Amino acid sequence: MIESETRCIATRYIECVVDDKLILITLLVKLGVAASVASALARSRTFQRLLFADHRRPRQTIGLLAFFLVPLTLGVWVRLNVPNFQAADISFETVILLGLMLGPGWAMLSALVLAVPAVIRHEYLAAPFLCAVGLVGGVFGAWVEKEEIWSFTPFVDLSIYRWVRRNLRKPKFDRQILLLVLIAGMEVVHVWLSSQYPHRLFALDSESNLLQVLVWLCAPVVVGIMLKVWNALRIELKLEEQKRLVLEARLDALQRQINPHFLFNTLNSIASLVRFRPDLAREMIVKLANLLRAMLRDHGTYVPLREELSFTDDYLDIEVVRFGAEKLRVVKETDERTLNVLVPSILLQPLIENSIKHGLEPRIQGGTITIRSRMQGERVVVEVEDDGVGIVLNSPSSLERRGAGIGMKNVRERLEVLYGNRARFTVVSRPGRGTLVSIELPADVADWIVANGAEGRSHAPGRSSSDS
């Protein structure tokens, strides 16, 4: 009799040990499942767009719910059909998440969907309980700021430590700790209901007090892990957006710098003719008005090379009037295939201005400006060449003037912002014989803009290469 009782006690002890080990393993696997699901969902661009949208239409919200409900409802089915794999069921934590992020209505709808496999297996309390959890989570999510939800941490001990440290200095109400307590409290109720109605609601339960505490704390940790994964992605996307805005602001600043510089030089040219040749001055004013109209017209960063050449024609007409047709000659050698290629707007005018001012103007007899374009594989090459004085190597002031003038510098920086390392800017000068400025650009800019969802205001990441 004594031996029989001893064997029964030993058997119950072994079963208890096995159950406790299984629960501990299940908790660990559950954390891994939560991290894996969160990471897998975060890889989808569509999921990112829907999750981080400030406002969603009902159809978009349903699309977002599909990302959650399809795999996680399957997880509930796996828990019901695969022995000893309870970790696949994270429906309780999912409903809390959806309540916090989407509100009580959508969370309760999701709870009904997630509970379908359980209800089919006669766990009839699953649906009403998960609906109640979604309601509580949704009300809490509507009450707190979104940033407080995103900053919720799975490291429970650090949260408590920070809470104690902050409140010792300046006592205040902490909603982070309240969320932690709320999730753990709902898990306590979950476990209690499961123990009262063992075949009507599923929850992990253990006779070990330590393991039971771990079960209660596992739920907030699962919620925190998924929020941490997505919050890290959210911060990364925000940093990328801020970087893009900084680059656009820099590009706009460069554009505004180019226009006054050009206007200043042109007005000086007109002022020199007003008293002695008023008819020509009037003609130059008309040409200038055409240029300003083109500059003020609402257009994107990129324009077809055909339009860019038309813009430079008006500028060259002004300069030909100023210098005289015998002193400033213009030659164009353009490939028809390049005329529809998109290039940065107001790209050539600063280079032509630089060639005239620093290359041809110092020469008494003037010279020739040659503009060329050609296709070179999948790239377009645009060149501006003059037969002026060139860059005198033993004259640091001349080199500095040509290489770091406002026009040249801005063209370099604009190419850097717009193309990154996809563009090439080259200056070749022969003292006394002239200077050649060559720009190589990718010819597929239109396809790149469409692929990135931009409309003429896009730019490629990276750094540009500049050889001189």
Protein backbone atom coordinates (compact mmCIF):
# COMPACT_ATOMS: atom_id res chain seq x y z
CA MET A 1 0.00 0.00 0.00
CA ILE A 2 2.77 2.41 0.94
CA GLU A 3 4.73 1.44 -2.15
CA SER A 4 1.68 2.07 -4.35
CA GLU A 5 1.16 5.56 -2.90
CA THR A 6 4.88 6.30 -3.35
CA ARG A 7 4.69 5.29 -7.01
CA CYS A 8 1.60 7.50 -7.52
CA ILE A 9 3.33 10.49 -5.93
CA ALA A 10 6.42 9.89 -8.08
CA THR A 11 4.31 9.61 -11.22
CA ARG A 12 2.47 12.86 -10.45
CA TYR A 13 5.83 14.56 -9.76
CA ILE A 14 7.27 13.39 -13.09
CA GLU A 15 4.14 14.54 -14.95
CA CYS A 16 4.33 17.90 -13.18
CA VAL A 17 8.01 18.30 -14.10
CA VAL A 18 7.27 17.41 -17.72
CA ASP A 19 4.33 19.84 -17.83
CA ASP A 20 6.42 22.60 -16.29
CA LYS A 21 9.22 22.03 -18.81
CA LEU A 22 6.71 22.04 -21.63
CA ILE A 23 5.20 25.31 -20.41
CA LEU A 24 8.63 26.91 -20.10
CA ILE A 25 9.59 25.79 -23.61
CA THR A 26 6.23 27.01 -24.90
CA LEU A 27 6.81 30.46 -23.41
CA LEU A 28 10.25 30.70 -25.02
CA VAL A 29 8.95 29.51 -28.39
CA LYS A 30 6.06 31.96 -28.11
CA LEU A 31 8.51 34.84 -27.86
CA GLY A 32 10.30 33.54 -30.94
CA VAL A 33 7.03 33.20 -32.85
CA ALA A 34 6.09 36.81 -32.00
CA ALA A 35 9.47 38.14 -33.14
CA SER A 36 9.37 36.06 -36.35
CA VAL A 37 5.84 37.14 -37.27
CA ALA A 38 6.63 40.81 -36.58
CA SER A 39 9.85 40.66 -38.64
CA ALA A 40 8.20 38.81 -41.53
CA LEU A 41 5.36 41.31 -41.73
CA ALA A 42 7.76 44.25 -41.51
CA ARG A 43 9.47 43.16 -44.74
CA SER A 44 6.36 43.91 -46.79
CA ARG A 45 6.26 47.44 -48.23
CA THR A 46 2.47 47.27 -48.34
CA PHE A 47 2.31 46.32 -44.66
CA GLN A 48 4.65 49.20 -43.78
CA ARG A 49 2.55 51.69 -45.70
CA LEU A 50 -0.69 50.50 -44.11
CA LEU A 51 0.67 50.18 -40.58
CA PHE A 52 2.33 53.60 -40.43
CA ALA A 53 -0.37 55.53 -42.30
CA ASP A 54 -1.75 58.49 -40.37
CA HIS A 55 -5.22 57.92 -41.82
CA ARG A 56 -6.66 54.75 -43.37
CA ARG A 57 -9.76 54.16 -45.39
CA PRO A 58 -11.87 51.13 -44.36
CA ARG A 59 -10.53 49.12 -47.28
CA GLN A 60 -6.96 49.85 -46.22
CA THR A 61 -7.73 48.83 -42.63
CA ILE A 62 -9.20 45.55 -43.86
CA GLY A 63 -6.05 45.01 -45.90
CA LEU A 64 -3.92 45.61 -42.80
CA LEU A 65 -6.06 43.17 -40.77
CA ALA A 66 -5.53 40.54 -43.46
CA PHE A 67 -1.78 40.66 -42.80
CA PHE A 68 -2.47 39.80 -39.15
CA LEU A 69 -5.43 37.48 -39.34
CA VAL A 70 -4.37 35.10 -42.11
CA PRO A 71 -1.17 33.78 -40.44
CA LEU A 72 -2.33 34.12 -36.84
CA THR A 73 -5.67 32.39 -37.37
CA LEU A 74 -3.63 29.60 -38.92
CA GLY A 75 -1.57 29.63 -35.71
CA VAL A 76 -4.71 28.99 -33.65
CA TRP A 77 -5.56 26.09 -35.95
CA VAL A 78 -2.03 24.68 -35.51
CA ARG A 79 -2.38 24.84 -31.72
CA LEU A 80 -5.62 22.86 -31.92
CA ASN A 81 -4.31 20.20 -34.29
CA VAL A 82 -0.60 19.79 -33.50
CA PRO A 83 0.12 18.22 -30.08
CA ASN A 84 2.28 20.21 -27.67
CA PHE A 85 2.60 23.26 -29.94
CA GLN A 86 0.57 25.79 -27.98
CA ALA A 87 3.11 28.54 -28.80
CA ALA A 88 1.59 29.01 -32.27
CA ASP A 89 -1.48 30.63 -30.70
CA ILE A 90 -0.81 34.30 -29.95
CA SER A 91 -4.39 35.42 -30.59
CA PHE A 92 -4.69 37.02 -27.13
CA GLU A 93 -1.67 39.28 -27.68
CA THR A 94 -2.69 40.03 -31.29
CA VAL A 95 -6.12 41.30 -30.24
CA ILE A 96 -4.47 43.59 -27.69
CA LEU A 97 -2.14 44.97 -30.37
CA LEU A 98 -4.95 45.57 -32.81
CA GLY A 99 -6.99 47.29 -30.13
CA LEU A 100 -4.10 49.60 -29.28
CA MET A 101 -3.37 50.49 -32.92
CA LEU A 102 -6.73 50.31 -34.70
CA GLY A 103 -9.36 50.87 -32.02
CA PRO A 104 -11.98 48.70 -30.31
CA GLY A 105 -14.26 48.08 -33.30
CA TRP A 106 -11.63 46.59 -35.58
CA ALA A 107 -10.06 44.69 -32.66
CA MET A 108 -13.37 43.03 -31.75
CA LEU A 109 -13.96 42.10 -35.40
CA SER A 110 -10.49 40.55 -35.49
CA ALA A 111 -11.22 38.70 -32.25
CA LEU A 112 -14.23 37.01 -33.85
CA VAL A 113 -12.13 35.89 -36.81
CA LEU A 114 -9.27 34.60 -34.63
CA ALA A 115 -11.73 32.69 -32.42
CA VAL A 116 -13.31 30.76 -35.30
CA PRO A 117 -11.01 27.68 -35.12
CA ALA A 118 -11.35 27.57 -31.32
CA VAL A 119 -15.13 27.84 -31.40
CA ILE A 120 -15.29 25.02 -33.94
CA ARG A 121 -13.43 22.90 -31.36
CA HIS A 122 -16.00 23.83 -28.69
CA GLU A 123 -13.94 26.54 -26.97
CA TYR A 124 -17.01 28.71 -26.82
CA LEU A 125 -15.61 31.32 -24.44
CA ALA A 126 -12.81 32.24 -26.87
CA ALA A 127 -14.92 34.65 -28.93
CA PRO A 128 -16.53 36.69 -26.10
CA PHE A 129 -13.31 36.79 -24.10
CA LEU A 130 -11.17 38.00 -27.04
CA CYS A 131 -13.85 40.57 -27.91
CA ALA A 132 -13.68 41.90 -24.35
CA VAL A 133 -9.86 42.05 -24.60
CA GLY A 134 -10.11 43.95 -27.90
CA LEU A 135 -12.56 46.41 -26.33
CA VAL A 136 -10.28 47.09 -23.36
CA GLY A 137 -7.21 47.42 -25.59
CA GLY A 138 -9.05 49.74 -28.00
CA VAL A 139 -10.32 52.02 -25.23
CA PHE A 140 -6.81 52.24 -23.77
CA GLY A 141 -5.31 52.94 -27.21
CA ALA A 142 -7.79 55.78 -27.78
CA TRP A 143 -6.99 57.23 -24.37
CA VAL A 144 -3.18 57.43 -24.67
CA GLU A 145 -0.92 59.07 -27.24
CA LYS A 146 0.34 56.88 -30.08
CA GLU A 147 3.95 57.58 -29.15
CA GLU A 148 3.33 56.06 -25.72
CA ILE A 149 2.14 52.88 -27.39
CA TRP A 150 5.12 52.72 -29.77
CA SER A 151 7.56 53.30 -26.91
CA PHE A 152 6.19 50.40 -24.84
CA THR A 153 9.13 48.12 -24.05
CA PRO A 154 9.16 44.34 -23.59
CA PHE A 155 11.92 44.67 -20.98
CA VAL A 156 9.65 44.66 -17.98
CA ASP A 157 12.40 45.05 -15.40
CA LEU A 158 13.74 48.18 -17.11
CA SER A 159 10.25 49.68 -17.27
CA ILE A 160 9.75 49.18 -13.57
CA TYR A 161 13.25 50.50 -12.84
CA ARG A 162 12.64 53.64 -14.91
CA TRP A 163 9.23 54.08 -13.34
CA VAL A 164 10.62 53.87 -9.79
CA ARG A 165 13.51 56.22 -10.61
CA ARG A 166 11.26 58.82 -12.25
CA ASN A 167 8.60 58.74 -9.57
CA LEU A 168 11.08 59.02 -6.72
CA ARG A 169 12.21 62.33 -8.20
CA LYS A 170 8.86 63.63 -9.41
CA PRO A 171 5.79 61.46 -8.79
CA LYS A 172 3.44 61.25 -11.79
CA PHE A 173 0.97 58.93 -13.45
CA ASP A 174 2.79 56.54 -15.85
CA ARG A 175 0.68 55.08 -18.64
CA GLN A 176 3.49 52.76 -19.71
CA ILE A 177 3.32 50.90 -16.42
CA LEU A 178 -0.48 51.02 -16.58
CA LEU A 179 -0.37 49.27 -19.96
CA LEU A 180 2.01 46.67 -18.55
CA VAL A 181 -0.28 46.04 -15.58
CA LEU A 182 -3.36 46.03 -17.81
CA ILE A 183 -2.00 43.35 -20.16
CA ALA A 184 -0.72 41.22 -17.27
CA GLY A 185 -4.05 41.64 -15.46
CA MET A 186 -6.04 40.50 -18.49
CA GLU A 187 -3.74 37.48 -18.74
CA VAL A 188 -4.47 36.67 -15.09
CA VAL A 189 -8.19 36.75 -15.85
CA HIS A 190 -7.50 34.65 -18.96
CA VAL A 191 -5.76 31.94 -16.94
CA TRP A 192 -8.43 32.03 -14.21
CA LEU A 193 -11.30 31.61 -16.69
CA SER A 194 -9.44 28.77 -18.35
CA SER A 195 -9.06 27.01 -15.01
CA GLN A 196 -12.78 27.46 -14.26
CA TYR A 197 -13.88 26.31 -17.73
CA PRO A 198 -11.02 24.07 -18.86
CA HIS A 199 -12.55 22.95 -22.17
CA ARG A 200 -14.16 26.24 -23.11
CA LEU A 201 -11.14 28.57 -23.11
CA PHE A 202 -7.45 27.84 -23.68
CA ALA A 203 -4.64 29.30 -21.58
CA LEU A 204 -1.33 28.06 -20.22
CA ASP A 205 -1.61 27.10 -16.56
CA SER A 206 0.94 25.73 -14.11
CA GLU A 207 0.97 24.54 -10.52
CA SER A 208 4.33 26.25 -10.05
CA ASN A 209 3.95 29.79 -8.75
CA LEU A 210 7.12 30.93 -10.50
CA LEU A 211 6.00 29.54 -13.85
CA GLN A 212 2.57 31.04 -13.40
CA VAL A 213 4.12 34.48 -12.90
CA LEU A 214 6.15 33.94 -16.09
CA VAL A 215 2.95 33.04 -17.95
CA TRP A 216 1.33 36.27 -16.76
CA LEU A 217 4.35 38.36 -17.82
CA CYS A 218 4.80 36.61 -21.16
CA ALA A 219 1.80 38.41 -22.69
CA PRO A 220 3.15 41.99 -22.20
CA VAL A 221 6.57 40.83 -23.39
CA VAL A 222 5.07 39.41 -26.61
CA VAL A 223 3.17 42.65 -27.21
CA GLY A 224 6.30 44.66 -26.46
CA ILE A 225 8.50 42.60 -28.81
CA MET A 226 6.19 43.13 -31.76
CA LEU A 227 5.89 46.85 -31.03
CA LYS A 228 9.68 47.14 -30.70
CA VAL A 229 10.29 45.50 -34.07
CA TRP A 230 7.84 47.80 -35.83
CA ASN A 231 8.90 50.90 -33.92
CA ALA A 232 12.52 50.35 -34.97
CA LEU A 233 11.34 50.20 -38.58
CA ARG A 234 9.16 53.27 -38.06
CA ILE A 235 12.11 55.28 -36.74
CA GLU A 236 14.28 54.13 -39.64
CA LEU A 237 11.64 55.22 -42.17
CA LYS A 238 11.29 58.58 -40.40
CA LEU A 239 15.04 59.12 -40.60
CA GLU A 240 15.00 58.30 -44.31
CA GLU A 241 12.13 60.74 -44.84
CA GLN A 242 13.99 63.45 -42.94
CA LYS A 243 17.10 62.81 -45.02
CA ARG A 244 15.02 63.11 -48.20
CA LEU A 245 13.50 66.40 -47.02
CA VAL A 246 16.96 67.76 -46.18
CA LEU A 247 18.22 66.86 -49.65
CA GLU A 248 15.18 68.49 -51.26
CA ALA A 249 15.69 71.62 -49.18
CA ARG A 250 19.34 71.66 -50.21
CA LEU A 251 18.36 71.27 -53.86
CA ASP A 252 15.84 74.11 -53.62
CA ALA A 253 18.49 76.31 -52.00
CA LEU A 254 20.90 75.57 -54.84
CA GLN A 255 18.22 76.39 -57.41
CA ARG A 256 17.47 79.70 -55.73
CA GLN A 257 21.19 80.47 -55.67
CA ILE A 258 21.55 79.91 -59.41
CA ASN A 259 18.72 82.19 -60.50
CA PRO A 260 19.86 85.45 -58.76
CA HIS A 261 23.42 84.87 -59.95
CA PHE A 262 22.28 84.59 -63.57
CA LEU A 263 19.89 87.53 -63.20
CA PHE A 264 22.63 89.76 -61.77
CA ASN A 265 24.98 89.14 -64.71
CA THR A 266 22.23 89.59 -67.31
CA LEU A 267 21.04 92.89 -65.81
CA ASN A 268 24.61 94.13 -65.84
CA SER A 269 24.78 93.34 -69.56
CA ILE A 270 21.53 95.20 -70.20
CA ALA A 271 22.66 98.20 -68.11
CA SER A 272 25.76 98.57 -70.27
CA LEU A 273 23.58 98.98 -73.40
CA VAL A 274 20.67 101.12 -72.16
CA ARG A 275 22.30 104.51 -72.84
CA PHE A 276 24.14 103.80 -76.08
CA ARG A 277 22.07 101.08 -77.80
CA PRO A 278 18.53 101.23 -76.37
CA ASP A 279 17.00 99.10 -79.14
CA LEU A 280 19.33 96.22 -78.39
CA ALA A 281 18.75 96.72 -74.67
CA ARG A 282 15.01 96.45 -75.29
CA GLU A 283 15.55 93.24 -77.27
CA MET A 284 17.63 91.83 -74.44
CA ILE A 285 14.91 92.71 -71.95
CA VAL A 286 12.40 90.74 -74.04
CA LYS A 287 14.78 87.78 -74.10
CA LEU A 288 15.31 88.10 -70.36
CA ALA A 289 11.55 88.12 -69.82
CA ASN A 290 11.35 84.87 -71.77
CA LEU A 291 14.02 83.36 -69.56
CA LEU A 292 12.36 84.49 -66.34
CA ARG A 293 9.02 83.19 -67.57
CA ALA A 294 10.64 79.81 -68.19
CA MET A 295 12.28 79.87 -64.74
CA LEU A 296 9.04 80.77 -62.97
CA ARG A 297 6.98 78.22 -64.86
CA ASP A 298 5.92 75.30 -62.64
CA HIS A 299 8.11 72.43 -63.76
CA GLY A 300 9.93 69.59 -62.08
CA THR A 301 13.58 69.06 -61.36
CA TYR A 302 13.98 67.19 -64.65
CA VAL A 303 13.16 68.45 -68.14
CA PRO A 304 13.80 66.96 -71.59
CA LEU A 305 17.15 67.98 -73.05
CA ARG A 306 15.22 69.60 -75.90
CA GLU A 307 13.67 72.11 -73.44
CA GLU A 308 16.99 72.72 -71.74
CA LEU A 309 18.61 73.57 -75.09
CA SER A 310 15.73 75.90 -75.92
CA PHE A 311 16.28 77.67 -72.62
CA THR A 312 19.99 78.12 -73.35
CA ASP A 313 19.14 79.52 -76.80
CA ASP A 314 17.46 82.56 -75.21
CA TYR A 315 20.43 83.05 -72.93
CA LEU A 316 22.88 82.79 -75.83
CA ASP A 317 20.82 85.27 -77.86
CA ILE A 318 21.32 87.77 -75.06
CA GLU A 319 25.04 87.12 -74.94
CA VAL A 320 25.42 87.29 -78.72
CA VAL A 321 23.79 90.72 -78.66
CA ARG A 322 26.13 91.76 -75.91
CA PHE A 323 29.36 90.50 -77.47
CA GLY A 324 28.47 90.73 -81.15
CA ALA A 325 27.94 87.91 -83.60
CA GLU A 326 31.54 88.22 -84.81
CA LYS A 327 32.97 87.68 -81.34
CA LEU A 328 30.63 84.99 -79.95
CA ARG A 329 29.85 82.05 -82.16
CA VAL A 330 27.67 79.10 -81.12
CA VAL A 331 27.91 75.60 -82.59
CA LYS A 332 25.49 72.79 -81.73
CA GLU A 333 26.21 69.11 -82.35
CA THR A 334 23.27 67.23 -80.84
CA ASP A 335 22.18 63.64 -81.30
CA GLU A 336 18.45 63.37 -81.98
CA ARG A 337 18.26 60.37 -79.63
CA THR A 338 19.29 62.54 -76.70
CA LEU A 339 16.68 65.29 -77.09
CA ASN A 340 13.98 63.47 -75.12
CA VAL A 341 16.28 62.32 -72.32
CA LEU A 342 15.45 63.95 -68.97
CA VAL A 343 18.19 66.15 -67.52
CA PRO A 344 18.22 68.57 -64.57
CA SER A 345 16.64 71.90 -65.45
CA ILE A 346 18.95 74.93 -65.84
CA LEU A 347 21.92 72.59 -66.11
CA LEU A 348 23.76 74.03 -69.12
CA GLN A 349 23.22 77.76 -68.67
CA PRO A 350 25.67 78.12 -65.73
CA LEU A 351 28.32 76.20 -67.69
CA ILE A 352 27.81 78.32 -70.81
CA GLU A 353 27.90 81.47 -68.71
CA ASN A 354 31.12 80.30 -67.09
CA SER A 355 32.72 79.60 -70.49
CA ILE A 356 31.79 83.03 -71.83
CA LYS A 357 32.79 85.00 -68.76
CA HIS A 358 36.06 83.25 -67.95
CA GLY A 359 37.02 81.66 -71.25
CA LEU A 360 36.00 83.94 -74.13
CA GLU A 361 35.57 87.37 -72.56
CA PRO A 362 39.32 87.76 -71.76
CA ARG A 363 40.13 87.18 -75.46
CA ILE A 364 40.00 90.23 -77.70
CA GLN A 365 38.79 88.23 -80.69
CA GLY A 366 36.21 86.26 -78.71
CA GLY A 367 35.64 82.64 -79.62
CA THR A 368 33.24 79.74 -80.08
CA ILE A 369 30.96 77.88 -77.69
CA THR A 370 30.26 74.30 -78.78
CA ILE A 371 27.39 72.34 -77.25
CA ARG A 372 27.32 68.59 -77.89
CA SER A 373 25.15 65.70 -76.84
CA ARG A 374 25.45 62.00 -77.65
CA MET A 375 24.39 58.62 -76.38
CA GLN A 376 27.05 56.41 -74.85
CA GLY A 377 25.46 53.05 -74.12
CA GLU A 378 22.76 53.60 -71.48
CA ARG A 379 24.11 57.06 -70.62
CA VAL A 380 23.82 60.48 -72.19
CA VAL A 381 26.89 62.70 -72.49
CA VAL A 382 26.45 66.49 -72.66
CA GLU A 383 29.45 68.71 -73.30
CA VAL A 384 30.08 72.44 -73.25
CA GLU A 385 33.39 73.43 -74.87
CA ASP A 386 35.01 76.79 -75.50
CA ASP A 387 38.20 77.78 -77.31
CA GLY A 388 39.02 80.50 -74.81
CA VAL A 389 41.96 81.10 -72.53
CA GLY A 390 41.48 77.91 -70.52
CA ILE A 391 42.66 77.39 -66.98
CA VAL A 392 46.18 78.68 -66.42
CA LEU A 393 47.84 76.13 -64.14
CA ASN A 394 50.34 78.58 -62.63
CA SER A 395 47.55 80.99 -61.73
CA PRO A 396 45.81 79.84 -58.56
CA SER A 397 43.25 82.63 -58.79
CA SER A 398 42.18 81.52 -62.26
CA LEU A 399 41.83 77.89 -61.22
CA GLU A 400 39.86 78.86 -58.17
CA ARG A 401 37.62 81.14 -60.17
CA ARG A 402 36.74 78.48 -62.74
CA GLY A 403 36.57 75.44 -60.50
CA ALA A 404 34.77 76.89 -57.54
CA GLY A 405 32.64 79.65 -59.04
CA ILE A 406 28.98 79.82 -58.16
CA GLY A 407 27.86 78.32 -61.47
CA MET A 408 30.27 75.38 -61.58
CA LYS A 409 29.94 74.65 -57.88
CA ASN A 410 26.16 74.58 -58.01
CA VAL A 411 26.08 72.31 -61.05
CA ARG A 412 28.36 69.87 -59.22
CA GLU A 413 26.26 69.97 -56.07
CA ARG A 414 22.98 69.61 -57.95
CA LEU A 415 24.28 66.53 -59.75
CA GLU A 416 25.40 65.14 -56.41
CA VAL A 417 21.99 65.65 -54.83
CA LEU A 418 19.98 64.43 -57.83
CA TYR A 419 22.05 61.47 -59.01
CA GLY A 420 24.51 60.52 -56.29
CA ASN A 421 27.24 58.31 -57.72
CA ARG A 422 25.31 57.74 -60.96
CA ALA A 423 26.53 61.03 -62.46
CA ARG A 424 29.97 62.08 -63.62
CA PHE A 425 31.22 65.67 -63.92
CA THR A 426 34.55 66.20 -65.73
CA VAL A 427 36.53 69.37 -66.53
CA VAL A 428 39.44 69.19 -69.02
CA SER A 429 41.31 72.42 -69.72
CA ARG A 430 44.24 73.27 -71.97
CA PRO A 431 45.73 76.68 -71.12
CA GLY A 432 45.41 79.01 -74.08
CA ARG A 433 43.30 76.54 -76.07
CA GLY A 434 40.05 76.27 -74.14
CA THR A 435 38.08 74.17 -71.66
CA LEU A 436 35.78 71.17 -72.06
CA VAL A 437 33.12 70.44 -69.42
CA SER A 438 31.57 67.00 -69.80
CA ILE A 439 28.57 65.62 -67.92
CA GLU A 440 27.57 61.94 -68.03
CA LEU A 441 24.07 61.12 -66.82
CA PRO A 442 21.97 57.96 -66.81
CA ALA A 443 19.48 57.98 -69.67
CA ASP A 444 16.86 56.01 -67.73
CA VAL A 445 15.85 58.81 -65.34
CA ALA A 446 12.20 58.62 -66.42
CA ASP A 447 12.01 54.92 -65.56
CA TRP A 448 13.76 55.56 -62.24
CA ILE A 449 11.29 58.32 -61.30
CA VAL A 450 8.28 56.13 -62.13
CA ALA A 451 9.73 53.21 -60.17
CA ASN A 452 10.19 55.38 -57.09
CA GLY A 453 6.79 57.07 -57.25
CA ALA A 454 8.19 60.57 -57.73
CA GLU A 455 7.20 63.30 -60.13
CA GLY A 456 10.34 65.12 -61.06
CA ARG A 457 11.50 65.75 -57.51
CA SER A 458 13.34 62.51 -56.83
CA HIS A 459 17.00 61.96 -56.26
CA ALA A 460 19.23 58.94 -55.96
CA PRO A 461 21.12 58.15 -52.77
CA GLY A 462 24.86 58.14 -52.56
CA ARG A 463 27.76 60.40 -53.48
CA SER A 464 28.74 61.72 -56.87
CA SER A 465 32.12 61.36 -58.53
CA SER A 466 33.75 64.50 -59.89
CA ASP A 467 36.97 64.49 -61.88
CA SER A 468 38.76 67.63 -62.95
